[in-house]
């Protein structure tokens, strides 16, 4: 009797559970899973968004293998990711480490460094367009005070990609907050024991702080990979892929095919290639995590 009563209660709880998560499930099916299935179908077709799609099989995927612009956009995106991602991870960690110390006006500095990450990509792009302006921008004005003539940051292919790398550091406050939460979760007894043993600050950082922060670094790394390979708003606003396609990021080329060239089918194929690239990189990070990610209380055999 008791078993039957528990079974009825469990079914009632399950129904209430499904009822409460049904808005999310409906949203996922309509706005995420449904469009993914649609894009998979369109990737096998020639489709301009207006007329009926023509089935071409894997023709779009074969075409993109020989598309010079695809390989150029991948080169730009990978280069940006391999430069900006480590810098963002390091900058976020260093900021959090500094702001975890007992310094004056702690709350003010934490808020100051976090606020830029709250701005949207379009707002940030418009702000930095003024800063990078070769005639009236603040950066070149500061260089001129030292007798240095600043370059045309957004018009010279030698500098444009580094402008976006520098711009990407603007939003490290988001990662900083996560690092800060991880730093404050480390037990102070570890540091007290290390000080009694005569360990320096550098030794404490290496043997206590970094091992305990590896799960946070792992999380920020995965999220950073996903974010950098979806980089779009800033190059769209500032350069539109120029000059000489030096900032033609993969996502921007995908957007151009979908909405500028009206090649929805080809753009869908590009989207699925991007999905598998990010998936493979994420899986590689997950596979490597057993070698460098430390979880407190975990026993290694």
C-alpha atoms as a PDB file:
ATOM      1  CA  UNK A   1       0.000   0.000   0.000  1.00  0.00           C
ATOM      2  CA  UNK A   2       2.810   2.329   0.942  1.00  0.00           C
ATOM      3  CA  UNK A   3       4.653   1.453  -2.261  1.00  0.00           C
ATOM      4  CA  UNK A   4       1.542   2.252  -4.315  1.00  0.00           C
ATOM      5  CA  UNK A   5       1.111   5.565  -2.492  1.00  0.00           C
ATOM      6  CA  UNK A   6       4.722   6.507  -3.235  1.00  0.00           C
ATOM      7  CA  UNK A   7       4.220   5.557  -6.894  1.00  0.00           C
ATOM      8  CA  UNK A   8       1.154   7.808  -7.198  1.00  0.00           C
ATOM      9  CA  UNK A   9       3.022  10.634  -5.474  1.00  0.00           C
ATOM     10  CA  UNK A  10       6.021  10.204  -7.791  1.00  0.00           C
ATOM     11  CA  UNK A  11       3.802  10.350 -10.886  1.00  0.00           C
ATOM     12  CA  UNK A  12       2.114  13.500  -9.555  1.00  0.00           C
ATOM     13  CA  UNK A  13       5.513  15.120  -8.946  1.00  0.00           C
ATOM     14  CA  UNK A  14       6.641  14.131 -12.427  1.00  0.00           C
ATOM     15  CA  UNK A  15       3.532  15.722 -13.976  1.00  0.00           C
ATOM     16  CA  UNK A  16       4.129  18.940 -12.046  1.00  0.00           C
ATOM     17  CA  UNK A  17       7.777  18.857 -13.082  1.00  0.00           C
ATOM     18  CA  UNK A  18       6.913  18.538 -16.765  1.00  0.00           C
ATOM     19  CA  UNK A  19       4.307  21.287 -16.372  1.00  0.00           C
ATOM     20  CA  UNK A  20       6.846  23.736 -14.961  1.00  0.00           C
ATOM     21  CA  UNK A  21       9.533  22.998 -17.562  1.00  0.00           C
ATOM     22  CA  UNK A  22       7.084  22.888 -20.482  1.00  0.00           C
ATOM     23  CA  UNK A  23       7.643  26.576 -21.434  1.00  0.00           C
ATOM     24  CA  UNK A  24      11.381  25.912 -21.781  1.00  0.00           C
ATOM     25  CA  UNK A  25      10.782  22.663 -23.687  1.00  0.00           C
ATOM     26  CA  UNK A  26       8.369  24.416 -26.068  1.00  0.00           C
ATOM     27  CA  UNK A  27      10.836  27.269 -26.591  1.00  0.00           C
ATOM     28  CA  UNK A  28      13.684  24.824 -27.240  1.00  0.00           C
ATOM     29  CA  UNK A  29      11.678  22.841 -29.800  1.00  0.00           C
ATOM     30  CA  UNK A  30      10.358  25.922 -31.612  1.00  0.00           C
ATOM     31  CA  UNK A  31      13.363  28.259 -31.494  1.00  0.00           C
ATOM     32  CA  UNK A  32      16.382  25.890 -31.312  1.00  0.00           C
ATOM     33  CA  UNK A  33      15.784  22.276 -32.293  1.00  0.00           C
ATOM     34  CA  UNK A  34      13.266  23.088 -35.035  1.00  0.00           C
ATOM     35  CA  UNK A  35      15.514  25.648 -36.777  1.00  0.00           C
ATOM     36  CA  UNK A  36      18.457  23.239 -36.504  1.00  0.00           C
ATOM     37  CA  UNK A  37      16.514  20.537 -38.332  1.00  0.00           C
ATOM     38  CA  UNK A  38      15.378  23.077 -40.916  1.00  0.00           C
ATOM     39  CA  UNK A  39      18.944  24.268 -41.519  1.00  0.00           C
ATOM     40  CA  UNK A  40      20.082  20.656 -41.901  1.00  0.00           C
ATOM     41  CA  UNK A  41      17.487  20.175 -44.636  1.00  0.00           C
ATOM     42  CA  UNK A  42      18.319  23.480 -46.342  1.00  0.00           C
ATOM     43  CA  UNK A  43      22.040  22.620 -46.288  1.00  0.00           C
ATOM     44  CA  UNK A  44      21.209  19.870 -48.794  1.00  0.00           C
ATOM     45  CA  UNK A  45      19.371  22.257 -51.107  1.00  0.00           C
ATOM     46  CA  UNK A  46      19.841  25.312 -53.308  1.00  0.00           C
ATOM     47  CA  UNK A  47      17.570  27.819 -51.589  1.00  0.00           C
ATOM     48  CA  UNK A  48      17.335  31.606 -51.855  1.00  0.00           C
ATOM     49  CA  UNK A  49      14.727  32.155 -49.131  1.00  0.00           C
ATOM     50  CA  UNK A  50      11.936  32.997 -51.585  1.00  0.00           C
ATOM     51  CA  UNK A  51      11.531  30.169 -54.086  1.00  0.00           C
ATOM     52  CA  UNK A  52      11.114  26.484 -53.383  1.00  0.00           C
ATOM     53  CA  UNK A  53      14.389  24.748 -52.430  1.00  0.00           C
ATOM     54  CA  UNK A  54      16.055  22.488 -54.999  1.00  0.00           C
ATOM     55  CA  UNK A  55      17.638  19.352 -53.563  1.00  0.00           C
ATOM     56  CA  UNK A  56      21.371  19.142 -54.395  1.00  0.00           C
ATOM     57  CA  UNK A  57      22.506  16.546 -51.869  1.00  0.00           C
ATOM     58  CA  UNK A  58      25.992  17.252 -50.550  1.00  0.00           C
ATOM     59  CA  UNK A  59      26.693  19.735 -53.338  1.00  0.00           C
ATOM     60  CA  UNK A  60      26.948  22.688 -50.934  1.00  0.00           C
ATOM     61  CA  UNK A  61      29.504  20.874 -48.798  1.00  0.00           C
ATOM     62  CA  UNK A  62      31.563  19.954 -51.867  1.00  0.00           C
ATOM     63  CA  UNK A  63      31.461  23.574 -53.033  1.00  0.00           C
ATOM     64  CA  UNK A  64      32.674  25.001 -49.740  1.00  0.00           C
ATOM     65  CA  UNK A  65      35.719  22.705 -49.834  1.00  0.00           C
ATOM     66  CA  UNK A  66      36.944  24.609 -52.903  1.00  0.00           C
ATOM     67  CA  UNK A  67      35.679  28.036 -51.843  1.00  0.00           C
ATOM     68  CA  UNK A  68      38.704  30.274 -51.251  1.00  0.00           C
ATOM     69  CA  UNK A  69      36.660  32.651 -49.098  1.00  0.00           C
ATOM     70  CA  UNK A  70      35.684  29.821 -46.755  1.00  0.00           C
ATOM     71  CA  UNK A  71      39.328  28.935 -46.116  1.00  0.00           C
ATOM     72  CA  UNK A  72      40.250  32.586 -45.687  1.00  0.00           C
ATOM     73  CA  UNK A  73      37.450  33.115 -43.174  1.00  0.00           C
ATOM     74  CA  UNK A  74      38.544  30.008 -41.269  1.00  0.00           C
ATOM     75  CA  UNK A  75      42.130  31.292 -41.212  1.00  0.00           C
ATOM     76  CA  UNK A  76      41.008  34.669 -39.850  1.00  0.00           C
ATOM     77  CA  UNK A  77      38.737  33.077 -37.239  1.00  0.00           C
ATOM     78  CA  UNK A  78      41.296  30.521 -36.030  1.00  0.00           C
ATOM     79  CA  UNK A  79      44.012  33.161 -35.816  1.00  0.00           C
ATOM     80  CA  UNK A  80      41.736  35.457 -33.841  1.00  0.00           C
ATOM     81  CA  UNK A  81      40.719  32.600 -31.514  1.00  0.00           C
ATOM     82  CA  UNK A  82      44.274  31.401 -30.841  1.00  0.00           C
ATOM     83  CA  UNK A  83      45.442  34.945 -30.031  1.00  0.00           C
ATOM     84  CA  UNK A  84      42.472  36.498 -28.252  1.00  0.00           C
ATOM     85  CA  UNK A  85      41.273  33.506 -26.219  1.00  0.00           C
ATOM     86  CA  UNK A  86      44.499  32.916 -24.215  1.00  0.00           C
ATOM     87  CA  UNK A  87      44.842  36.669 -23.647  1.00  0.00           C
ATOM     88  CA  UNK A  88      41.231  36.925 -22.421  1.00  0.00           C
ATOM     89  CA  UNK A  89      41.626  33.942 -20.091  1.00  0.00           C
ATOM     90  CA  UNK A  90      44.869  35.323 -18.663  1.00  0.00           C
ATOM     91  CA  UNK A  91      43.568  38.888 -18.323  1.00  0.00           C
ATOM     92  CA  UNK A  92      40.388  37.735 -16.587  1.00  0.00           C
ATOM     93  CA  UNK A  93      42.335  35.573 -14.146  1.00  0.00           C
ATOM     94  CA  UNK A  94      44.897  38.294 -13.333  1.00  0.00           C
ATOM     95  CA  UNK A  95      42.153  40.856 -12.736  1.00  0.00           C
ATOM     96  CA  UNK A  96      40.309  38.463 -10.434  1.00  0.00           C
ATOM     97  CA  UNK A  97      43.507  37.592  -8.572  1.00  0.00           C
ATOM     98  CA  UNK A  98      44.329  41.264  -8.005  1.00  0.00           C
ATOM     99  CA  UNK A  99      40.775  42.163  -6.982  1.00  0.00           C
ATOM    100  CA  UNK A 100      40.703  39.249  -4.550  1.00  0.00           C
ATOM    101  CA  UNK A 101      43.374  40.981  -2.465  1.00  0.00           C
ATOM    102  CA  UNK A 102      42.675  43.375   0.360  1.00  0.00           C
ATOM    103  CA  UNK A 103      42.938  46.658  -1.564  1.00  0.00           C
ATOM    104  CA  UNK A 104      41.125  49.981  -0.976  1.00  0.00           C
ATOM    105  CA  UNK A 105      37.783  50.580  -2.734  1.00  0.00           C
ATOM    106  CA  UNK A 106      37.457  46.886  -3.602  1.00  0.00           C
ATOM    107  CA  UNK A 107      33.757  47.005  -4.552  1.00  0.00           C
ATOM    108  CA  UNK A 108      34.316  50.042  -6.771  1.00  0.00           C
ATOM    109  CA  UNK A 109      37.110  48.363  -8.780  1.00  0.00           C
ATOM    110  CA  UNK A 110      35.180  45.122  -9.178  1.00  0.00           C
ATOM    111  CA  UNK A 111      32.166  47.015 -10.481  1.00  0.00           C
ATOM    112  CA  UNK A 112      34.318  49.159 -12.765  1.00  0.00           C
ATOM    113  CA  UNK A 113      35.967  46.196 -14.469  1.00  0.00           C
ATOM    114  CA  UNK A 114      32.737  44.195 -14.705  1.00  0.00           C
ATOM    115  CA  UNK A 115      30.501  46.897 -16.221  1.00  0.00           C
ATOM    116  CA  UNK A 116      32.030  46.827 -19.759  1.00  0.00           C
ATOM    117  CA  UNK A 117      31.015  43.169 -20.148  1.00  0.00           C
ATOM    118  CA  UNK A 118      27.371  44.226 -19.710  1.00  0.00           C
ATOM    119  CA  UNK A 119      27.393  46.257 -22.940  1.00  0.00           C
ATOM    120  CA  UNK A 120      26.187  44.688 -26.186  1.00  0.00           C
ATOM    121  CA  UNK A 121      28.551  44.038 -29.073  1.00  0.00           C
ATOM    122  CA  UNK A 122      27.021  46.789 -31.206  1.00  0.00           C
ATOM    123  CA  UNK A 123      27.507  49.439 -28.504  1.00  0.00           C
ATOM    124  CA  UNK A 124      31.101  48.325 -27.933  1.00  0.00           C
ATOM    125  CA  UNK A 125      31.810  48.410 -31.673  1.00  0.00           C
ATOM    126  CA  UNK A 126      30.455  51.956 -32.014  1.00  0.00           C
ATOM    127  CA  UNK A 127      32.530  53.075 -29.047  1.00  0.00           C
ATOM    128  CA  UNK A 128      35.756  51.602 -30.392  1.00  0.00           C
ATOM    129  CA  UNK A 129      35.098  52.934 -33.882  1.00  0.00           C
ATOM    130  CA  UNK A 130      35.639  56.397 -32.419  1.00  0.00           C
ATOM    131  CA  UNK A 131      38.709  55.299 -30.478  1.00  0.00           C
ATOM    132  CA  UNK A 132      40.303  53.670 -33.549  1.00  0.00           C
ATOM    133  CA  UNK A 133      39.567  56.592 -35.899  1.00  0.00           C
ATOM    134  CA  UNK A 134      42.881  57.512 -37.558  1.00  0.00           C
ATOM    135  CA  UNK A 135      42.159  61.262 -37.622  1.00  0.00           C
ATOM    136  CA  UNK A 136      40.107  62.030 -34.531  1.00  0.00           C
ATOM    137  CA  UNK A 137      40.461  58.877 -32.418  1.00  0.00           C
ATOM    138  CA  UNK A 138      41.724  58.941 -28.844  1.00  0.00           C
ATOM    139  CA  UNK A 139      44.355  56.243 -29.487  1.00  0.00           C
ATOM    140  CA  UNK A 140      46.132  58.122 -32.256  1.00  0.00           C
ATOM    141  CA  UNK A 141      45.838  61.358 -30.273  1.00  0.00           C
ATOM    142  CA  UNK A 142      47.648  59.746 -27.342  1.00  0.00           C
ATOM    143  CA  UNK A 143      50.325  58.426 -29.707  1.00  0.00           C
ATOM    144  CA  UNK A 144      50.752  61.891 -31.194  1.00  0.00           C
ATOM    145  CA  UNK A 145      51.594  63.258 -27.740  1.00  0.00           C
ATOM    146  CA  UNK A 146      54.694  61.061 -27.866  1.00  0.00           C
ATOM    147  CA  UNK A 147      55.535  62.128 -31.393  1.00  0.00           C
ATOM    148  CA  UNK A 148      54.246  58.898 -32.955  1.00  0.00           C
ATOM    149  CA  UNK A 149      51.976  59.010 -35.991  1.00  0.00           C
ATOM    150  CA  UNK A 150      49.265  56.414 -35.484  1.00  0.00           C
ATOM    151  CA  UNK A 151      48.268  54.131 -38.358  1.00  0.00           C
ATOM    152  CA  UNK A 152      44.873  53.727 -39.990  1.00  0.00           C
ATOM    153  CA  UNK A 153      43.807  51.023 -37.569  1.00  0.00           C
ATOM    154  CA  UNK A 154      40.652  49.876 -39.330  1.00  0.00           C
ATOM    155  CA  UNK A 155      41.859  50.511 -42.893  1.00  0.00           C
ATOM    156  CA  UNK A 156      45.250  48.776 -42.871  1.00  0.00           C
ATOM    157  CA  UNK A 157      45.176  44.949 -43.173  1.00  0.00           C
ATOM    158  CA  UNK A 158      48.321  44.749 -41.011  1.00  0.00           C
ATOM    159  CA  UNK A 159      46.494  46.110 -37.968  1.00  0.00           C
ATOM    160  CA  UNK A 160      42.792  45.311 -38.299  1.00  0.00           C
ATOM    161  CA  UNK A 161      42.823  41.823 -36.789  1.00  0.00           C
ATOM    162  CA  UNK A 162      44.801  43.092 -33.791  1.00  0.00           C
ATOM    163  CA  UNK A 163      42.208  45.807 -33.282  1.00  0.00           C
ATOM    164  CA  UNK A 164      39.632  43.073 -32.724  1.00  0.00           C
ATOM    165  CA  UNK A 165      41.993  41.145 -30.444  1.00  0.00           C
ATOM    166  CA  UNK A 166      42.437  44.279 -28.345  1.00  0.00           C
ATOM    167  CA  UNK A 167      38.707  44.960 -28.465  1.00  0.00           C
ATOM    168  CA  UNK A 168      37.952  41.437 -27.214  1.00  0.00           C
ATOM    169  CA  UNK A 169      39.751  42.257 -23.949  1.00  0.00           C
ATOM    170  CA  UNK A 170      37.088  44.878 -23.271  1.00  0.00           C
ATOM    171  CA  UNK A 171      34.690  42.216 -21.997  1.00  0.00           C
ATOM    172  CA  UNK A 172      36.999  40.182 -19.734  1.00  0.00           C
ATOM    173  CA  UNK A 173      34.988  41.359 -16.729  1.00  0.00           C
ATOM    174  CA  UNK A 174      32.489  38.546 -17.264  1.00  0.00           C
ATOM    175  CA  UNK A 175      35.182  35.897 -16.918  1.00  0.00           C
ATOM    176  CA  UNK A 176      36.749  37.884 -14.073  1.00  0.00           C
ATOM    177  CA  UNK A 177      33.586  37.529 -11.973  1.00  0.00           C
ATOM    178  CA  UNK A 178      33.594  33.754 -12.443  1.00  0.00           C
ATOM    179  CA  UNK A 179      37.280  33.551 -11.539  1.00  0.00           C
ATOM    180  CA  UNK A 180      36.643  35.741  -8.507  1.00  0.00           C
ATOM    181  CA  UNK A 181      33.910  33.405  -7.284  1.00  0.00           C
ATOM    182  CA  UNK A 182      36.301  30.479  -7.655  1.00  0.00           C
ATOM    183  CA  UNK A 183      39.103  32.261  -5.794  1.00  0.00           C
ATOM    184  CA  UNK A 184      36.818  33.080  -2.895  1.00  0.00           C
ATOM    185  CA  UNK A 185      35.775  29.435  -2.722  1.00  0.00           C
ATOM    186  CA  UNK A 186      39.314  28.251  -1.902  1.00  0.00           C
ATOM    187  CA  UNK A 187      39.675  27.492   1.800  1.00  0.00           C
ATOM    188  CA  UNK A 188      41.934  29.960   3.604  1.00  0.00           C
ATOM    189  CA  UNK A 189      43.362  27.101   5.664  1.00  0.00           C
ATOM    190  CA  UNK A 190      45.385  26.005   2.626  1.00  0.00           C
ATOM    191  CA  UNK A 191      47.133  29.379   2.469  1.00  0.00           C
ATOM    192  CA  UNK A 192      47.647  29.478   6.245  1.00  0.00           C
ATOM    193  CA  UNK A 193      49.310  26.063   6.177  1.00  0.00           C
ATOM    194  CA  UNK A 194      51.467  27.124   3.217  1.00  0.00           C
ATOM    195  CA  UNK A 195      52.618  30.275   5.045  1.00  0.00           C
ATOM    196  CA  UNK A 196      53.571  28.209   8.082  1.00  0.00           C
ATOM    197  CA  UNK A 197      55.673  26.030   5.772  1.00  0.00           C
ATOM    198  CA  UNK A 198      57.409  29.123   4.415  1.00  0.00           C
ATOM    199  CA  UNK A 199      55.858  29.125   0.923  1.00  0.00           C
ATOM    200  CA  UNK A 200      56.104  32.358  -1.032  1.00  0.00           C
ATOM    201  CA  UNK A 201      53.158  34.044  -2.782  1.00  0.00           C
ATOM    202  CA  UNK A 202      54.349  32.627  -6.092  1.00  0.00           C
ATOM    203  CA  UNK A 203      54.520  29.102  -4.677  1.00  0.00           C
ATOM    204  CA  UNK A 204      51.033  29.476  -3.210  1.00  0.00           C
ATOM    205  CA  UNK A 205      49.754  30.633  -6.585  1.00  0.00           C
ATOM    206  CA  UNK A 206      51.343  27.668  -8.355  1.00  0.00           C
ATOM    207  CA  UNK A 207      50.534  24.867  -5.913  1.00  0.00           C
ATOM    208  CA  UNK A 208      47.247  26.019  -4.330  1.00  0.00           C
ATOM    209  CA  UNK A 209      45.474  28.668  -6.377  1.00  0.00           C
ATOM    210  CA  UNK A 210      45.991  27.352  -9.903  1.00  0.00           C
ATOM    211  CA  UNK A 211      45.075  23.695  -9.166  1.00  0.00           C
ATOM    212  CA  UNK A 212      41.876  24.790  -7.415  1.00  0.00           C
ATOM    213  CA  UNK A 213      41.040  27.164 -10.279  1.00  0.00           C
ATOM    214  CA  UNK A 214      41.389  24.593 -13.080  1.00  0.00           C
ATOM    215  CA  UNK A 215      37.628  23.788 -13.165  1.00  0.00           C
ATOM    216  CA  UNK A 216      36.913  27.521 -13.611  1.00  0.00           C
ATOM    217  CA  UNK A 217      39.601  27.816 -16.278  1.00  0.00           C
ATOM    218  CA  UNK A 218      38.104  24.768 -17.995  1.00  0.00           C
ATOM    219  CA  UNK A 219      34.620  26.325 -18.004  1.00  0.00           C
ATOM    220  CA  UNK A 220      35.853  29.691 -19.298  1.00  0.00           C
ATOM    221  CA  UNK A 221      37.928  27.942 -21.959  1.00  0.00           C
ATOM    222  CA  UNK A 222      34.934  26.012 -23.311  1.00  0.00           C
ATOM    223  CA  UNK A 223      32.712  29.090 -23.283  1.00  0.00           C
ATOM    224  CA  UNK A 224      35.508  31.120 -24.863  1.00  0.00           C
ATOM    225  CA  UNK A 225      35.886  28.657 -27.747  1.00  0.00           C
ATOM    226  CA  UNK A 226      32.173  28.829 -28.465  1.00  0.00           C
ATOM    227  CA  UNK A 227      32.160  32.625 -28.235  1.00  0.00           C
ATOM    228  CA  UNK A 228      35.222  33.352 -30.390  1.00  0.00           C
ATOM    229  CA  UNK A 229      34.053  31.103 -33.213  1.00  0.00           C
ATOM    230  CA  UNK A 230      30.723  32.950 -33.232  1.00  0.00           C
ATOM    231  CA  UNK A 231      32.361  36.392 -33.367  1.00  0.00           C
ATOM    232  CA  UNK A 232      30.187  38.589 -35.552  1.00  0.00           C
ATOM    233  CA  UNK A 233      28.789  41.911 -34.304  1.00  0.00           C
ATOM    234  CA  UNK A 234      32.051  43.856 -33.971  1.00  0.00           C
ATOM    235  CA  UNK A 235      33.526  43.069 -37.446  1.00  0.00           C
ATOM    236  CA  UNK A 236      30.090  43.558 -38.995  1.00  0.00           C
ATOM    237  CA  UNK A 237      29.836  47.066 -37.541  1.00  0.00           C
ATOM    238  CA  UNK A 238      33.466  48.178 -37.881  1.00  0.00           C
ATOM    239  CA  UNK A 239      34.884  46.688 -41.098  1.00  0.00           C
ATOM    240  CA  UNK A 240      32.263  44.433 -42.760  1.00  0.00           C
ATOM    241  CA  UNK A 241      35.097  41.975 -43.478  1.00  0.00           C
ATOM    242  CA  UNK A 242      37.539  44.451 -44.967  1.00  0.00           C
ATOM    243  CA  UNK A 243      40.020  45.684 -45.819  1.00  0.00           C
ATOM    244  CA  UNK A 244      41.064  43.020 -48.327  1.00  0.00           C
ATOM    245  CA  UNK A 245      39.029  40.417 -46.364  1.00  0.00           C
ATOM    246  CA  UNK A 246      41.489  40.651 -43.478  1.00  0.00           C
ATOM    247  CA  UNK A 247      38.586  40.612 -40.999  1.00  0.00           C
ATOM    248  CA  UNK A 248      36.206  38.330 -42.887  1.00  0.00           C
ATOM    249  CA  UNK A 249      35.334  36.131 -39.915  1.00  0.00           C
ATOM    250  CA  UNK A 250      33.587  32.838 -40.611  1.00  0.00           C
ATOM    251  CA  UNK A 251      30.312  33.967 -39.052  1.00  0.00           C
ATOM    252  CA  UNK A 252      30.376  37.162 -41.107  1.00  0.00           C
ATOM    253  CA  UNK A 253      30.910  35.210 -44.336  1.00  0.00           C
ATOM    254  CA  UNK A 254      28.030  32.918 -43.328  1.00  0.00           C
ATOM    255  CA  UNK A 255      25.808  35.961 -42.755  1.00  0.00           C
ATOM    256  CA  UNK A 256      26.752  37.466 -46.137  1.00  0.00           C
ATOM    257  CA  UNK A 257      25.803  34.259 -47.939  1.00  0.00           C
ATOM    258  CA  UNK A 258      22.471  34.033 -46.164  1.00  0.00           C
ATOM    259  CA  UNK A 259      21.269  37.646 -46.313  1.00  0.00           C
ATOM    260  CA  UNK A 260      23.467  39.443 -48.832  1.00  0.00           C
ATOM    261  CA  UNK A 261      23.888  36.807 -51.552  1.00  0.00           C
ATOM    262  CA  UNK A 262      20.548  35.079 -50.763  1.00  0.00           C
ATOM    263  CA  UNK A 263      22.232  31.650 -50.641  1.00  0.00           C
ATOM    264  CA  UNK A 264      20.367  30.192 -47.685  1.00  0.00           C
ATOM    265  CA  UNK A 265      21.236  26.626 -48.568  1.00  0.00           C
ATOM    266  CA  UNK A 266      24.958  27.343 -48.805  1.00  0.00           C
ATOM    267  CA  UNK A 267      24.828  29.387 -45.578  1.00  0.00           C
ATOM    268  CA  UNK A 268      23.139  26.456 -43.816  1.00  0.00           C
ATOM    269  CA  UNK A 269      25.966  24.174 -44.932  1.00  0.00           C
ATOM    270  CA  UNK A 270      28.476  26.701 -43.592  1.00  0.00           C
ATOM    271  CA  UNK A 271      26.592  26.772 -40.284  1.00  0.00           C
ATOM    272  CA  UNK A 272      26.810  23.003 -39.908  1.00  0.00           C
ATOM    273  CA  UNK A 273      30.536  23.036 -40.672  1.00  0.00           C
ATOM    274  CA  UNK A 274      30.958  25.646 -37.931  1.00  0.00           C
ATOM    275  CA  UNK A 275      28.911  23.483 -35.573  1.00  0.00           C
ATOM    276  CA  UNK A 276      31.187  20.481 -36.128  1.00  0.00           C
ATOM    277  CA  UNK A 277      34.364  22.576 -35.782  1.00  0.00           C
ATOM    278  CA  UNK A 278      33.219  23.921 -32.406  1.00  0.00           C
ATOM    279  CA  UNK A 279      32.019  20.443 -31.390  1.00  0.00           C
ATOM    280  CA  UNK A 280      35.378  18.838 -32.192  1.00  0.00           C
ATOM    281  CA  UNK A 281      37.356  21.540 -30.373  1.00  0.00           C
ATOM    282  CA  UNK A 282      35.069  21.296 -27.344  1.00  0.00           C
ATOM    283  CA  UNK A 283      35.368  17.501 -27.247  1.00  0.00           C
ATOM    284  CA  UNK A 284      39.166  17.783 -27.430  1.00  0.00           C
ATOM    285  CA  UNK A 285      39.138  20.108 -24.431  1.00  0.00           C
ATOM    286  CA  UNK A 286      36.868  17.710 -22.542  1.00  0.00           C
ATOM    287  CA  UNK A 287      39.117  14.742 -23.381  1.00  0.00           C
ATOM    288  CA  UNK A 288      42.182  16.633 -22.181  1.00  0.00           C
ATOM    289  CA  UNK A 289      40.533  17.778 -18.951  1.00  0.00           C
ATOM    290  CA  UNK A 290      41.505  14.592 -17.093  1.00  0.00           C
ATOM    291  CA  UNK A 291      45.157  15.606 -17.512  1.00  0.00           C
ATOM    292  CA  UNK A 292      44.970  19.110 -16.049  1.00  0.00           C
ATOM    293  CA  UNK A 293      41.619  19.777 -14.326  1.00  0.00           C
ATOM    294  CA  UNK A 294      41.646  19.170 -10.567  1.00  0.00           C
ATOM    295  CA  UNK A 295      38.429  18.701  -8.590  1.00  0.00           C
ATOM    296  CA  UNK A 296      38.680  19.038  -4.813  1.00  0.00           C
ATOM    297  CA  UNK A 297      37.991  15.741  -3.097  1.00  0.00           C
ATOM    298  CA  UNK A 298      38.666  13.732  -6.235  1.00  0.00           C
ATOM    299  CA  UNK A 299      40.990  10.783  -5.758  1.00  0.00           C
ATOM    300  CA  UNK A 300      43.269  10.042  -8.728  1.00  0.00           C
ATOM    301  CA  UNK A 301      44.096   6.372  -9.261  1.00  0.00           C
END
